[in-house]
C-alpha atoms as a PDB file:
ATOM      1  CA  MET A   1      63.022  67.149 143.386  1.00  0.00           C
ATOM      2  CA  THR A   2      63.864  69.474 140.374  1.00  0.00           C
ATOM      3  CA  ASN A   3      67.483  70.437 139.596  1.00  0.00           C
ATOM      4  CA  ALA A   4      67.099  74.039 140.567  1.00  0.00           C
ATOM      5  CA  ALA A   5      65.487  73.109 143.706  1.00  0.00           C
ATOM      6  CA  ALA A   6      68.229  70.817 144.950  1.00  0.00           C
ATOM      7  CA  ASN A   7      70.978  73.760 144.792  1.00  0.00           C
ATOM      8  CA  VAL A   8      68.833  76.646 146.273  1.00  0.00           C
ATOM      9  CA  ASP A   9      70.574  78.068 149.443  1.00  0.00           C
ATOM     10  CA  ASN A  10      67.187  80.282 150.968  1.00  0.00           C
ATOM     11  CA  GLU A  11      69.501  81.787 153.365  1.00  0.00           C
ATOM     12  CA  ARG A  12      70.953  83.528 150.387  1.00  0.00           C
ATOM     13  CA  PRO A  13      69.613  85.850 147.716  1.00  0.00           C
ATOM     14  CA  ASN A  14      69.092  84.134 144.688  1.00  0.00           C
ATOM     15  CA  VAL A  15      68.431  85.001 140.703  1.00  0.00           C
ATOM     16  CA  PHE A  16      66.481  82.540 138.931  1.00  0.00           C
ATOM     17  CA  ILE A  17      66.124  82.400 135.005  1.00  0.00           C
ATOM     18  CA  HIS A  18      63.397  80.095 133.821  1.00  0.00           C
ATOM     19  CA  THR A  19      63.760  78.796 130.209  1.00  0.00           C
ATOM     20  CA  ASN A  20      62.937  75.700 128.174  1.00  0.00           C
ATOM     21  CA  HIS A  21      65.441  74.048 125.419  1.00  0.00           C
ATOM     22  CA  ARG A  22      64.542  76.889 122.566  1.00  0.00           C
ATOM     23  CA  GLN A  23      65.941  79.276 124.534  1.00  0.00           C
ATOM     24  CA  MET A  24      68.671  77.444 126.555  1.00  0.00           C
ATOM     25  CA  LEU A  25      71.471  79.597 124.894  1.00  0.00           C
ATOM     26  CA  GLY A  26      70.055  83.214 126.147  1.00  0.00           C
ATOM     27  CA  ALA A  27      69.601  81.924 129.429  1.00  0.00           C
ATOM     28  CA  ILE A  28      73.196  80.702 129.847  1.00  0.00           C
ATOM     29  CA  VAL A  29      74.066  84.324 128.528  1.00  0.00           C
ATOM     30  CA  SER A  30      71.780  85.804 131.393  1.00  0.00           C
ATOM     31  CA  ARG A  31      73.428  83.663 133.605  1.00  0.00           C
ATOM     32  CA  TYR A  32      76.740  85.130 132.767  1.00  0.00           C
ATOM     33  CA  SER A  33      75.507  88.711 132.557  1.00  0.00           C
ATOM     34  CA  MET A  34      74.204  88.465 136.322  1.00  0.00           C
ATOM     35  CA  LYS A  35      77.630  87.605 137.932  1.00  0.00           C
ATOM     36  CA  ARG A  36      79.837  89.581 135.029  1.00  0.00           C
ATOM     37  CA  ASN A  37      78.224  92.787 135.936  1.00  0.00           C
ATOM     38  CA  SER A  38      78.100  92.598 139.684  1.00  0.00           C
ATOM     39  CA  ALA A  39      80.241  94.211 142.248  1.00  0.00           C
ATOM     40  CA  GLU A  40      79.653  91.344 144.553  1.00  0.00           C
ATOM     41  CA  PRO A  41      79.314  88.070 142.211  1.00  0.00           C
ATOM     42  CA  ASP A  42      79.934  86.006 145.126  1.00  0.00           C
ATOM     43  CA  ALA A  43      76.999  87.376 147.104  1.00  0.00           C
ATOM     44  CA  PHE A  44      74.214  85.902 145.486  1.00  0.00           C
ATOM     45  CA  ASP A  45      73.560  82.711 143.445  1.00  0.00           C
ATOM     46  CA  VAL A  46      71.734  82.303 139.789  1.00  0.00           C
ATOM     47  CA  HIS A  47      69.955  79.377 138.960  1.00  0.00           C
ATOM     48  CA  LEU A  48      68.215  77.974 135.522  1.00  0.00           C
ATOM     49  CA  ILE A  49      64.643  76.516 135.962  1.00  0.00           C
ATOM     50  CA  ASP A  50      64.303  74.562 133.198  1.00  0.00           C
ATOM     51  CA  HIS A  51      60.707  73.448 131.823  1.00  0.00           C
ATOM     52  CA  ALA A  52      62.803  69.718 131.033  1.00  0.00           C
ATOM     53  CA  ASP A  53      62.380  69.288 134.794  1.00  0.00           C
ATOM     54  CA  PHE A  54      59.150  69.523 135.123  1.00  0.00           C
ATOM     55  CA  PRO A  55      57.384  66.680 133.706  1.00  0.00           C
ATOM     56  CA  PHE A  56      53.857  67.431 134.622  1.00  0.00           C
ATOM     57  CA  PHE A  57      53.751  69.903 131.709  1.00  0.00           C
ATOM     58  CA  GLU A  58      53.680  66.791 129.555  1.00  0.00           C
ATOM     59  CA  GLU A  59      50.318  65.807 130.308  1.00  0.00           C
ATOM     60  CA  TYR A  60      48.683  68.769 129.177  1.00  0.00           C
ATOM     61  CA  GLU A  61      50.299  68.674 125.993  1.00  0.00           C
ATOM     62  CA  GLY A  62      47.995  69.364 122.822  1.00  0.00           C
ATOM     63  CA  ARG A  63      45.101  70.296 125.707  1.00  0.00           C
ATOM     64  CA  GLU A  64      43.096  73.350 125.839  1.00  0.00           C
ATOM     65  CA  TYR A  65      43.251  75.913 128.194  1.00  0.00           C
ATOM     66  CA  LEU A  66      41.833  79.694 129.188  1.00  0.00           C
ATOM     67  CA  ARG A  67      43.921  82.550 127.313  1.00  0.00           C
ATOM     68  CA  ASP A  68      42.336  86.012 127.404  1.00  0.00           C
ATOM     69  CA  GLY A  69      39.371  84.415 127.477  1.00  0.00           C
ATOM     70  CA  ALA A  70      39.145  82.022 124.584  1.00  0.00           C
ATOM     71  CA  PRO A  71      40.630  78.802 124.410  1.00  0.00           C
ATOM     72  CA  ARG A  72      44.021  77.833 123.224  1.00  0.00           C
ATOM     73  CA  VAL A  73      46.109  74.545 122.710  1.00  0.00           C
ATOM     74  CA  TRP A  74      49.065  74.415 124.976  1.00  0.00           C
ATOM     75  CA  ARG A  75      52.012  73.300 123.067  1.00  0.00           C
ATOM     76  CA  ASN A  76      55.364  72.423 124.941  1.00  0.00           C
ATOM     77  CA  GLU A  77      57.282  72.850 122.009  1.00  0.00           C
ATOM     78  CA  ASP A  78      56.487  76.586 121.999  1.00  0.00           C
ATOM     79  CA  LEU A  79      59.346  79.163 122.253  1.00  0.00           C
ATOM     80  CA  GLN A  80      57.668  80.717 125.488  1.00  0.00           C
ATOM     81  CA  SER A  81      56.379  76.975 126.950  1.00  0.00           C
ATOM     82  CA  PHE A  82      58.436  77.736 129.849  1.00  0.00           C
ATOM     83  CA  THR A  83      56.579  81.059 130.993  1.00  0.00           C
ATOM     84  CA  PRO A  84      54.544  79.344 134.308  1.00  0.00           C
ATOM     85  CA  LEU A  85      57.649  78.523 135.656  1.00  0.00           C
ATOM     86  CA  ARG A  86      57.993  82.492 136.538  1.00  0.00           C
ATOM     87  CA  PHE A  87      56.566  81.832 139.607  1.00  0.00           C
ATOM     88  CA  MET A  88      58.014  78.902 140.656  1.00  0.00           C
ATOM     89  CA  PRO A  89      61.228  80.568 142.592  1.00  0.00           C
ATOM     90  CA  PRO A  90      58.765  80.616 146.026  1.00  0.00           C
ATOM     91  CA  GLU A  91      58.546  77.095 145.983  1.00  0.00           C
ATOM     92  CA  LEU A  92      62.015  76.006 145.424  1.00  0.00           C
ATOM     93  CA  MET A  93      62.928  78.331 147.736  1.00  0.00           C
ATOM     94  CA  GLY A  94      60.507  76.907 150.395  1.00  0.00           C
ATOM     95  CA  TYR A  95      58.606  79.732 150.686  1.00  0.00           C
ATOM     96  CA  ARG A  96      61.777  81.868 152.220  1.00  0.00           C
ATOM     97  CA  GLY A  97      64.166  84.544 151.664  1.00  0.00           C
ATOM     98  CA  ARG A  98      64.235  87.123 148.728  1.00  0.00           C
ATOM     99  CA  ALA A  99      64.379  86.223 144.949  1.00  0.00           C
ATOM    100  CA  VAL A 100      64.758  87.993 141.328  1.00  0.00           C
ATOM    101  CA  VAL A 101      63.162  85.933 138.347  1.00  0.00           C
ATOM    102  CA  THR A 102      63.585  86.783 134.643  1.00  0.00           C
ATOM    103  CA  ASP A 103      62.933  85.534 131.272  1.00  0.00           C
ATOM    104  CA  PRO A 104      65.762  83.990 129.645  1.00  0.00           C
ATOM    105  CA  ASP A 105      65.854  86.973 127.201  1.00  0.00           C
ATOM    106  CA  VAL A 106      67.147  89.421 130.088  1.00  0.00           C
ATOM    107  CA  PHE A 107      70.470  90.369 130.184  1.00  0.00           C
ATOM    108  CA  ALA A 108      72.432  92.621 133.403  1.00  0.00           C
ATOM    109  CA  VAL A 109      73.898  95.429 132.276  1.00  0.00           C
ATOM    110  CA  GLY A 110      73.867  96.760 135.820  1.00  0.00           C
ATOM    111  CA  ASP A 111      74.028  95.071 138.843  1.00  0.00           C
ATOM    112  CA  VAL A 112      71.533  92.877 140.145  1.00  0.00           C
ATOM    113  CA  LEU A 113      72.314  92.262 143.492  1.00  0.00           C
ATOM    114  CA  GLU A 114      71.138  96.094 143.812  1.00  0.00           C
ATOM    115  CA  LEU A 115      67.633  94.865 142.783  1.00  0.00           C
ATOM    116  CA  LEU A 116      68.343  91.908 145.569  1.00  0.00           C
ATOM    117  CA  ARG A 117      68.652  94.285 148.385  1.00  0.00           C
ATOM    118  CA  ARG A 118      66.266  96.818 147.074  1.00  0.00           C
ATOM    119  CA  ASP A 119      63.875  98.018 149.995  1.00  0.00           C
ATOM    120  CA  MET A 120      60.392  96.596 149.508  1.00  0.00           C
ATOM    121  CA  GLN A 121      58.774  98.710 151.561  1.00  0.00           C
ATOM    122  CA  GLY A 122      56.700  95.567 152.763  1.00  0.00           C
ATOM    123  CA  ASN A 123      55.378  94.620 149.400  1.00  0.00           C
ATOM    124  CA  ALA A 124      55.363  90.666 148.080  1.00  0.00           C
ATOM    125  CA  ILE A 125      56.424  91.864 144.678  1.00  0.00           C
ATOM    126  CA  MET A 126      58.195  94.174 142.600  1.00  0.00           C
ATOM    127  CA  CYS A 127      57.819  94.751 139.196  1.00  0.00           C
ATOM    128  CA  ARG A 128      56.931  97.184 136.404  1.00  0.00           C
ATOM    129  CA  PRO A 129      53.847  97.829 134.374  1.00  0.00           C
ATOM    130  CA  ARG A 130      53.482  96.447 130.778  1.00  0.00           C
ATOM    131  CA  SER A 131      53.827  98.930 127.959  1.00  0.00           C
ATOM    132  CA  GLY A 132      51.154 100.101 125.430  1.00  0.00           C
ATOM    133  CA  ALA A 133      47.501  99.102 125.685  1.00  0.00           C
ATOM    134  CA  LYS A 134      48.163  96.748 128.164  1.00  0.00           C
ATOM    135  CA  ARG A 135      49.683  99.447 130.547  1.00  0.00           C
ATOM    136  CA  LEU A 136      46.552 101.003 130.522  1.00  0.00           C
ATOM    137  CA  GLU A 137      44.494  97.651 131.432  1.00  0.00           C
ATOM    138  CA  GLY A 138      46.683  97.750 134.663  1.00  0.00           C
ATOM    139  CA  VAL A 139      48.813  94.770 133.413  1.00  0.00           C
ATOM    140  CA  LEU A 140      52.106  94.140 135.232  1.00  0.00           C
ATOM    141  CA  ALA A 141      55.461  93.042 133.618  1.00  0.00           C
ATOM    142  CA  THR A 142      56.420  89.444 135.541  1.00  0.00           C
ATOM    143  CA  SER A 143      59.223  89.107 132.928  1.00  0.00           C
ATOM    144  CA  VAL A 144      61.536  90.190 135.990  1.00  0.00           C
ATOM    145  CA  MET A 145      60.242  90.358 139.138  1.00  0.00           C
ATOM    146  CA  LEU A 146      61.558  90.768 143.009  1.00  0.00           C
ATOM    147  CA  LEU A 147      60.067  88.292 145.127  1.00  0.00           C
ATOM    148  CA  ASP A 148      59.711  88.217 148.879  1.00  0.00           C
ATOM    149  CA  CYS A 149      59.031  84.716 149.209  1.00  0.00           C
ATOM    150  CA  ALA A 150      57.461  84.189 152.619  1.00  0.00           C
ATOM    151  CA  GLN A 151      54.619  86.249 151.258  1.00  0.00           C
ATOM    152  CA  LEU A 152      53.755  84.029 148.550  1.00  0.00           C
ATOM    153  CA  THR A 153      52.859  80.784 149.936  1.00  0.00           C
ATOM    154  CA  HIS A 154      49.718  80.992 147.792  1.00  0.00           C
ATOM    155  CA  TRP A 155      51.752  80.785 144.539  1.00  0.00           C
ATOM    156  CA  ASN A 156      51.683  76.817 143.916  1.00  0.00           C
ATOM    157  CA  VAL A 157      52.013  76.591 139.886  1.00  0.00           C
ATOM    158  CA  ARG A 158      50.903  72.873 139.320  1.00  0.00           C
ATOM    159  CA  GLN A 159      47.923  74.022 140.967  1.00  0.00           C
ATOM    160  CA  GLN A 160      47.570  77.029 139.026  1.00  0.00           C
ATOM    161  CA  PHE A 161      48.616  75.923 135.826  1.00  0.00           C
ATOM    162  CA  ASP A 162      45.930  73.085 135.600  1.00  0.00           C
ATOM    163  CA  SER A 163      43.429  75.679 136.486  1.00  0.00           C
ATOM    164  CA  LEU A 164      44.302  77.145 133.103  1.00  0.00           C
ATOM    165  CA  PHE A 165      42.539  73.578 131.750  1.00  0.00           C
ATOM    166  CA  GLN A 166      39.682  73.625 134.000  1.00  0.00           C
ATOM    167  CA  PHE A 167      39.233  77.162 132.563  1.00  0.00           C
ATOM    168  CA  SER A 168      38.813  78.458 135.787  1.00  0.00           C
ATOM    169  CA  PHE A 169      41.573  80.904 135.490  1.00  0.00           C
ATOM    170  CA  ASP A 170      42.774  82.913 133.208  1.00  0.00           C
ATOM    171  CA  TYR A 171      46.421  82.860 131.736  1.00  0.00           C
ATOM    172  CA  ALA A 172      46.421  86.283 130.734  1.00  0.00           C
ATOM    173  CA  ASP A 173      45.252  86.862 134.558  1.00  0.00           C
ATOM    174  CA  TRP A 174      47.856  85.057 136.042  1.00  0.00           C
ATOM    175  CA  ILE A 175      50.670  86.522 133.959  1.00  0.00           C
ATOM    176  CA  GLY A 176      49.566  89.520 134.726  1.00  0.00           C
ATOM    177  CA  LEU A 177      49.022  89.496 138.233  1.00  0.00           C
ATOM    178  CA  LYS A 178      45.408  90.485 138.250  1.00  0.00           C
ATOM    179  CA  LYS A 179      44.205  88.471 140.566  1.00  0.00           C
ATOM    180  CA  GLU A 180      47.260  89.288 143.053  1.00  0.00           C
ATOM    181  CA  ASP A 181      46.771  91.687 145.645  1.00  0.00           C
ATOM    182  CA  ARG A 182      47.745  95.038 144.334  1.00  0.00           C
ATOM    183  CA  SER A 183      48.474  96.392 147.767  1.00  0.00           C
ATOM    184  CA  LYS A 184      51.482  94.011 147.757  1.00  0.00           C
ATOM    185  CA  ILE A 185      52.706  95.092 144.782  1.00  0.00           C
ATOM    186  CA  GLY A 186      55.659  97.754 144.308  1.00  0.00           C
ATOM    187  CA  LEU A 187      56.651  99.312 140.978  1.00  0.00           C
ATOM    188  CA  PHE A 188      60.665  99.372 140.116  1.00  0.00           C
ATOM    189  CA  GLU A 189      62.096 101.648 137.613  1.00  0.00           C
ATOM    190  CA  ASN A 190      61.477 100.547 134.034  1.00  0.00           C
ATOM    191  CA  GLU A 191      64.992 100.096 133.685  1.00  0.00           C
ATOM    192  CA  TRP A 192      65.151  96.829 135.481  1.00  0.00           C
ATOM    193  CA  ASN A 193      63.391  95.656 132.904  1.00  0.00           C
ATOM    194  CA  ASP A 194      63.957  97.736 129.845  1.00  0.00           C
ATOM    195  CA  PHE A 195      62.096  96.510 126.645  1.00  0.00           C
ATOM    196  CA  ASP A 196      64.335  96.567 124.140  1.00  0.00           C
ATOM    197  CA  ARG A 197      65.886  99.832 125.217  1.00  0.00           C
ATOM    198  CA  LEU A 198      69.046 100.001 126.032  1.00  0.00           C
ATOM    199  CA  THR A 199      70.472 103.281 127.318  1.00  0.00           C
ATOM    200  CA  GLU A 200      72.795 104.736 130.144  1.00  0.00           C
ATOM    201  CA  LYS A 201      70.225 103.829 132.586  1.00  0.00           C
ATOM    202  CA  THR A 202      69.596 100.340 132.004  1.00  0.00           C
ATOM    203  CA  LYS A 203      70.247  97.857 134.658  1.00  0.00           C
ATOM    204  CA  LEU A 204      68.558  94.724 132.697  1.00  0.00           C
ATOM    205  CA  ILE A 205      67.887  94.745 129.333  1.00  0.00           C
ATOM    206  CA  HIS A 206      64.781  92.434 128.177  1.00  0.00           C
ATOM    207  CA  ASN A 207      64.697  91.463 124.262  1.00  0.00           C
ATOM    208  CA  THR A 208      61.299  91.057 124.614  1.00  0.00           C
ATOM    209  CA  LYS A 209      60.096  91.264 121.019  1.00  0.00           C
ATOM    210  CA  ARG A 210      60.458  87.991 120.266  1.00  0.00           C
ATOM    211  CA  LYS A 211      60.977  88.236 116.448  1.00  0.00           C
ATOM    212  CA  THR A 212      63.875  90.480 116.891  1.00  0.00           C
ATOM    213  CA  GLN A 213      65.977  88.813 119.288  1.00  0.00           C
ATOM    214  CA  PRO A 214      69.475  88.990 118.528  1.00  0.00           C
ATOM    215  CA  TRP A 215      70.726  85.631 118.566  1.00  0.00           C
ATOM    216  CA  LYS A 216      67.490  84.716 116.302  1.00  0.00           C
ATOM    217  CA  ALA A 217      68.254  86.255 113.141  1.00  0.00           C
ATOM    218  CA  GLY A 218      66.905  84.692 109.884  1.00  0.00           C
ATOM    219  CA  LEU A 219      65.441  81.640 111.507  1.00  0.00           C
ATOM    220  CA  PRO A 220      61.736  80.355 110.734  1.00  0.00           C
ATOM    221  CA  ALA A 221      59.400  81.588 113.643  1.00  0.00           C
ATOM    222  CA  ASP A 222      58.439  79.228 116.712  1.00  0.00           C
ATOM    223  CA  PHE A 223      56.014  80.758 118.979  1.00  0.00           C
ATOM    224  CA  ILE A 224      52.649  81.449 118.760  1.00  0.00           C
ATOM    225  CA  PRO A 225      51.674  84.741 117.638  1.00  0.00           C
ATOM    226  CA  ALA A 226      48.987  86.206 120.479  1.00  0.00           C
ATOM    227  CA  GLU A 227      45.256  86.455 119.869  1.00  0.00           C
ATOM    228  CA  LYS A 228      44.141  89.004 122.190  1.00  0.00           C
ATOM    229  CA  TYR A 229      41.136  91.226 120.140  1.00  0.00           C
ATOM    230  CA  ARG A 230      38.446  91.999 122.647  1.00  0.00           C
ATOM    231  CA  VAL A 231      37.547  95.198 120.663  1.00  0.00           C
ATOM    232  CA  PHE A 232      37.185  93.255 117.614  1.00  0.00           C
ATOM    233  CA  PRO A 233      36.840  89.798 117.958  1.00  0.00           C
ATOM    234  CA  PRO A 234      35.895  88.411 114.138  1.00  0.00           C
ATOM    235  CA  ILE A 235      39.949  89.368 114.147  1.00  0.00           C
ATOM    236  CA  ARG A 236      40.701  86.501 116.595  1.00  0.00           C
ATOM    237  CA  TRP A 237      38.317  84.268 114.819  1.00  0.00           C
ATOM    238  CA  VAL A 238      40.108  84.608 111.945  1.00  0.00           C
ATOM    239  CA  LEU A 239      43.422  83.826 113.636  1.00  0.00           C
ATOM    240  CA  ARG A 240      42.281  80.948 115.135  1.00  0.00           C
ATOM    241  CA  ALA A 241      41.051  79.403 111.752  1.00  0.00           C
ATOM    242  CA  ARG A 242      44.908  80.379 110.610  1.00  0.00           C
ATOM    243  CA  ARG A 243      46.236  78.044 113.175  1.00  0.00           C
ATOM    244  CA  LYS A 244      43.599  75.444 112.634  1.00  0.00           C
ATOM    245  CA  LEU A 245      43.755  75.136 108.326  1.00  0.00           C
ATOM    246  CA  PHE A 246      47.509  75.935 108.181  1.00  0.00           C
ATOM    247  CA  GLY A 247      49.213  75.567 111.495  1.00  0.00           C
ATOM    248  CA  ASP A 248      50.754  77.306 114.339  1.00  0.00           C
ATOM    249  CA  TYR A 249      53.123  79.323 112.956  1.00  0.00           C
ATOM    250  CA  ALA A 250      51.826  79.836 109.358  1.00  0.00           C
ATOM    251  CA  PHE A 251      52.334  83.338 107.727  1.00  0.00           C
ATOM    252  CA  VAL A 252      54.442  84.469 110.839  1.00  0.00           C
ATOM    253  CA  GLY A 253      57.460  84.673 108.994  1.00  0.00           C
ATOM    254  CA  PRO A 254      60.852  84.614 109.986  1.00  0.00           C
ATOM    255  CA  TYR A 255      62.773  86.307 112.990  1.00  0.00           C
ATOM    256  CA  LYS A 256      64.485  89.635 111.980  1.00  0.00           C
ATOM    257  CA  THR A 257      67.585  91.823 112.844  1.00  0.00           C
ATOM    258  CA  HIS A 258      67.130  93.657 115.875  1.00  0.00           C
ATOM    259  CA  PRO A 259      66.749  97.365 114.722  1.00  0.00           C
ATOM    260  CA  ASP A 260      68.986  98.184 117.389  1.00  0.00           C
ATOM    261  CA  PRO A 261      72.835  97.260 116.563  1.00  0.00           C
ATOM    262  CA  ASN A 262      73.858  98.001 120.292  1.00  0.00           C
ATOM    263  CA  GLN A 263      71.680  95.163 121.253  1.00  0.00           C
ATOM    264  CA  GLU A 264      72.994  92.826 118.927  1.00  0.00           C
ATOM    265  CA  ALA A 265      76.482  93.348 119.882  1.00  0.00           C
ATOM    266  CA  PHE A 266      75.767  93.333 123.602  1.00  0.00           C
ATOM    267  CA  PHE A 267      74.725  90.262 123.494  1.00  0.00           C
ATOM    268  CA  PHE A 268      76.495  88.930 121.261  1.00  0.00           C
ATOM    269  CA  GLY A 269      79.588  90.357 123.435  1.00  0.00           C
ATOM    270  CA  LEU A 270      78.639  88.451 125.984  1.00  0.00           C
ATOM    271  CA  LEU A 271      79.025  85.341 124.275  1.00  0.00           C
ATOM    272  CA  ARG A 272      81.925  86.170 123.133  1.00  0.00           C
ATOM    273  CA  GLU A 273      83.223  85.883 126.600  1.00  0.00           C
ATOM    274  CA  CYS A 274      81.307  82.580 127.521  1.00  0.00           C
ATOM    275  CA  VAL A 275      83.089  81.238 124.375  1.00  0.00           C
ATOM    276  CA  ASP A 276      86.533  82.394 125.753  1.00  0.00           C
ATOM    277  CA  GLN A 277      85.971  81.347 129.151  1.00  0.00           C
ATOM    278  CA  ARG A 278      84.477  78.384 128.120  1.00  0.00           C
ATOM    279  CA  ILE A 279      81.246  78.258 129.710  1.00  0.00           C
ATOM    280  CA  VAL A 280      79.710  78.086 126.084  1.00  0.00           C
ATOM    281  CA  SER A 281      81.263  75.537 123.680  1.00  0.00           C
ATOM    282  CA  GLU A 282      81.266  76.017 120.061  1.00  0.00           C
ATOM    283  CA  ASP A 283      79.713  72.196 119.751  1.00  0.00           C
ATOM    284  CA  PHE A 284      76.856  73.824 121.871  1.00  0.00           C
ATOM    285  CA  ILE A 285      76.407  76.802 119.722  1.00  0.00           C
ATOM    286  CA  ARG A 286      76.884  74.278 116.296  1.00  0.00           C
ATOM    287  CA  GLN A 287      74.304  72.112 117.961  1.00  0.00           C
ATOM    288  CA  GLU A 288      71.878  74.967 118.650  1.00  0.00           C
ATOM    289  CA  MET A 289      71.988  76.082 114.982  1.00  0.00           C
ATOM    290  CA  ALA A 290      71.095  73.055 113.785  1.00  0.00           C
ATOM    291  CA  ARG A 291      68.298  72.832 115.904  1.00  0.00           C
ATOM    292  CA  ASN A 292      67.346  76.442 114.851  1.00  0.00           C
ATOM    293  CA  HIS A 293      67.481  77.522 118.134  1.00  0.00           C
ATOM    294  CA  VAL A 294      70.344  79.946 116.998  1.00  0.00           C
ATOM    295  CA  ARG A 295      70.646  82.359 113.646  1.00  0.00           C
ATOM    296  CA  HIS A 296      73.199  80.129 111.330  1.00  0.00           C
ATOM    297  CA  ASP A 297      75.648  83.252 110.784  1.00  0.00           C
ATOM    298  CA  ALA A 298      76.667  83.317 114.759  1.00  0.00           C
ATOM    299  CA  PHE A 299      79.868  82.449 114.274  1.00  0.00           C
ATOM    300  CA  GLU A 300      80.632  85.662 111.719  1.00  0.00           C
ATOM    301  CA  VAL A 301      78.796  87.620 114.204  1.00  0.00           C
ATOM    302  CA  LEU A 302      81.112  86.763 116.942  1.00  0.00           C
ATOM    303  CA  ASP A 303      84.134  87.355 114.629  1.00  0.00           C
ATOM    304  CA  ARG A 304      83.340  90.932 114.123  1.00  0.00           C
ATOM    305  CA  VAL A 305      81.635  91.867 117.163  1.00  0.00           C
ATOM    306  CA  ARG A 306      84.291  93.695 119.505  1.00  0.00           C
ATOM    307  CA  PRO A 307      84.765  92.950 122.805  1.00  0.00           C
ATOM    308  CA  LEU A 308      82.339  95.204 125.696  1.00  0.00           C
ATOM    309  CA  ALA A 309      83.552  97.105 128.300  1.00  0.00           C
ATOM    310  CA  ALA A 310      85.189  96.052 131.383  1.00  0.00           C
ATOM    311  CA  ALA A 311      82.340  95.005 133.796  1.00  0.00           C
END
């Protein structure tokens, strides 16, 4: 049993934040934000689902799997190696009750309890569409989902993950819910998964553009870029050749400053409160800086950030 499963009370609504060691600071701040900005913080529980608690991932290191119709190599050290765990909450809940699952770069601006208490109208899943071209393809964003776990007994992360390496299941289809019964999927407002947009309507802000995550500015890239080029496949061949010749992160470039200073201020305002309340220690931040998981000027940003408005 994982650390997350050991503490889950499926009689209560639960929020699950899936993460790995590279995004642990974001996950901790995310967990804090969920409680901070709820009118009833004691009415639900928040859990971290840590990639390190699932040793079966190690069995697949360096093996090829199917993604966007082409082979890719699985790397447990990749920034987003935690993504299969967004399908783990029903198992952790014993296929009972209701849960919200989010990425570790999603932070509560509004009250997540409103989402947990949402009328799902009989749906098993609620989420939002992806943006841009993926929206036109019917791809759904699974980075934030509201789940009725009793209707998701067919979700088994270990089995589904293994099928990627048997080339019988495509990662893109899994992550985009393309194989799910669409009649059992409802859509909620985009503000419950606002992609790098912070407005007065935002409920959950998602710093989804990896290269501009506010706590990473200036660090070397540690994620493998997407290689989805079905319209003109030769571009994919060039990108694969680049990775094989020069490494997974070649020519990706460093993380950049987020273009919206308000989003940077929001994250560091939350982190400042975490430090003040001893949820996050300064020693931990220094360790994460040394590991290149957190920008090296983090303390300078904390010193100049303004306190957030009261919850």
